Amino acid sequence: MVTSTNFLIPPHRKLSSEEITQVLQKYAISKENLPKISIKDPALSMFDLNVVSGDVVEVTRTSFAGKKPYYRLVVS
């Protein structure tokens, strides 16, 4: 994974199909219920994720409460 030199952009990571299944089961949702992220989002190219529409990306945000993963569905 490529790391960003911009501290304002949290790490992004493409999930495997097994990880996607685990996330969807954990939250009892379908992929279409996930928040969306555009395939043209600069962060996706910054981390060189090679995503296509339909992939799921994990965004790890850090705050005073610690690190927390957020999930986004890549759309065209």
C-alpha atoms as a PDB file:
ATOM      1  CA  MET A   1       0.000   0.000   0.000  1.00  0.00           C
ATOM      2  CA  VAL A   2       1.248   3.450  -0.854  1.00  0.00           C
ATOM      3  CA  THR A   3       1.115   5.953   1.999  1.00  0.00           C
ATOM      4  CA  SER A   4      -0.012   9.514   1.495  1.00  0.00           C
ATOM      5  CA  THR A   5       2.255  12.422   2.327  1.00  0.00           C
ATOM      6  CA  ASN A   6      -0.842  14.520   3.053  1.00  0.00           C
ATOM      7  CA  PHE A   7      -1.841  13.998   6.683  1.00  0.00           C
ATOM      8  CA  LEU A   8      -5.400  15.119   5.921  1.00  0.00           C
ATOM      9  CA  ILE A   9      -6.064  12.110   3.670  1.00  0.00           C
ATOM     10  CA  PRO A  10      -6.653   8.919   5.664  1.00  0.00           C
ATOM     11  CA  PRO A  11      -5.340   5.568   4.401  1.00  0.00           C
ATOM     12  CA  HIS A  12      -7.514   3.819   1.790  1.00  0.00           C
ATOM     13  CA  ARG A  13      -7.401   0.087   1.107  1.00  0.00           C
ATOM     14  CA  LYS A  14      -9.243  -2.114  -1.389  1.00  0.00           C
ATOM     15  CA  LEU A  15     -11.012  -5.031   0.294  1.00  0.00           C
ATOM     16  CA  SER A  16     -10.857  -8.620  -0.943  1.00  0.00           C
ATOM     17  CA  SER A  17     -14.096 -10.435  -1.757  1.00  0.00           C
ATOM     18  CA  GLU A  18     -13.845 -12.359   1.545  1.00  0.00           C
ATOM     19  CA  GLU A  19     -13.432  -9.129   3.513  1.00  0.00           C
ATOM     20  CA  ILE A  20     -16.404  -7.580   1.700  1.00  0.00           C
ATOM     21  CA  THR A  21     -18.563 -10.571   2.668  1.00  0.00           C
ATOM     22  CA  GLN A  22     -17.472 -10.260   6.312  1.00  0.00           C
ATOM     23  CA  VAL A  23     -18.257  -6.519   6.429  1.00  0.00           C
ATOM     24  CA  LEU A  24     -21.668  -6.968   4.809  1.00  0.00           C
ATOM     25  CA  GLN A  25     -22.556  -9.791   7.207  1.00  0.00           C
ATOM     26  CA  LYS A  26     -21.290  -7.866  10.239  1.00  0.00           C
ATOM     27  CA  TYR A  27     -23.522  -4.883   9.474  1.00  0.00           C
ATOM     28  CA  ALA A  28     -26.344  -6.939   7.880  1.00  0.00           C
ATOM     29  CA  ILE A  29     -26.426  -4.783   4.745  1.00  0.00           C
ATOM     30  CA  SER A  30     -25.922  -5.138   1.000  1.00  0.00           C
ATOM     31  CA  LYS A  31     -23.204  -3.427  -1.038  1.00  0.00           C
ATOM     32  CA  GLU A  32     -25.739  -0.923  -2.366  1.00  0.00           C
ATOM     33  CA  ASN A  33     -26.385   0.298   1.206  1.00  0.00           C
ATOM     34  CA  LEU A  34     -22.762   1.373   1.671  1.00  0.00           C
ATOM     35  CA  PRO A  35     -21.849   5.043   1.240  1.00  0.00           C
ATOM     36  CA  LYS A  36     -20.440   5.717  -2.227  1.00  0.00           C
ATOM     37  CA  ILE A  37     -17.057   6.985  -3.418  1.00  0.00           C
ATOM     38  CA  SER A  38     -16.440   8.065  -6.984  1.00  0.00           C
ATOM     39  CA  ILE A  39     -13.957   6.091  -9.044  1.00  0.00           C
ATOM     40  CA  LYS A  40     -12.526   9.517  -9.935  1.00  0.00           C
ATOM     41  CA  ASP A  41     -11.834  10.417  -6.286  1.00  0.00           C
ATOM     42  CA  PRO A  42      -8.208  11.626  -6.082  1.00  0.00           C
ATOM     43  CA  ALA A  43      -7.517   9.542  -2.963  1.00  0.00           C
ATOM     44  CA  LEU A  44      -8.111   6.313  -4.895  1.00  0.00           C
ATOM     45  CA  SER A  45      -5.460   7.199  -7.441  1.00  0.00           C
ATOM     46  CA  MET A  46      -3.146   8.548  -4.733  1.00  0.00           C
ATOM     47  CA  PHE A  47      -3.052   5.136  -3.062  1.00  0.00           C
ATOM     48  CA  ASP A  48      -2.795   3.320  -6.434  1.00  0.00           C
ATOM     49  CA  LEU A  49      -5.633   0.915  -5.589  1.00  0.00           C
ATOM     50  CA  ASN A  50      -6.599  -0.092  -9.149  1.00  0.00           C
ATOM     51  CA  VAL A  51     -10.288  -0.150  -8.232  1.00  0.00           C
ATOM     52  CA  VAL A  52     -13.227  -0.711 -10.549  1.00  0.00           C
ATOM     53  CA  SER A  53     -16.879   0.106 -10.076  1.00  0.00           C
ATOM     54  CA  GLY A  54     -18.352  -2.316  -7.528  1.00  0.00           C
ATOM     55  CA  ASP A  55     -15.211  -2.651  -5.389  1.00  0.00           C
ATOM     56  CA  VAL A  56     -15.322  -1.759  -1.702  1.00  0.00           C
ATOM     57  CA  VAL A  57     -12.697   0.481  -0.106  1.00  0.00           C
ATOM     58  CA  GLU A  58     -11.846   0.736   3.588  1.00  0.00           C
ATOM     59  CA  VAL A  59     -10.952   4.231   4.791  1.00  0.00           C
ATOM     60  CA  THR A  60      -9.193   4.256   8.188  1.00  0.00           C
ATOM     61  CA  ARG A  61      -9.800   7.524   9.995  1.00  0.00           C
ATOM     62  CA  THR A  62      -7.933   8.539  13.126  1.00  0.00           C
ATOM     63  CA  SER A  63      -9.398  10.796  15.811  1.00  0.00           C
ATOM     64  CA  PHE A  64      -8.963  11.418  19.510  1.00  0.00           C
ATOM     65  CA  ALA A  65     -11.044   8.245  20.055  1.00  0.00           C
ATOM     66  CA  GLY A  66      -8.644   6.089  18.022  1.00  0.00           C
ATOM     67  CA  LYS A  67      -8.708   4.507  14.568  1.00  0.00           C
ATOM     68  CA  LYS A  68     -12.003   3.571  12.966  1.00  0.00           C
ATOM     69  CA  PRO A  69     -12.667   1.911   9.595  1.00  0.00           C
ATOM     70  CA  TYR A  70     -15.275   3.284   7.193  1.00  0.00           C
ATOM     71  CA  TYR A  71     -16.398   1.454   4.087  1.00  0.00           C
ATOM     72  CA  ARG A  72     -17.265   2.927   0.680  1.00  0.00           C
ATOM     73  CA  LEU A  73     -18.633   1.366  -2.512  1.00  0.00           C
ATOM     74  CA  VAL A  74     -16.759   2.501  -5.615  1.00  0.00           C
ATOM     75  CA  VAL A  75     -19.119   3.886  -8.283  1.00  0.00           C
ATOM     76  CA  SER A  76     -18.582   5.285 -11.787  1.00  0.00           C
END
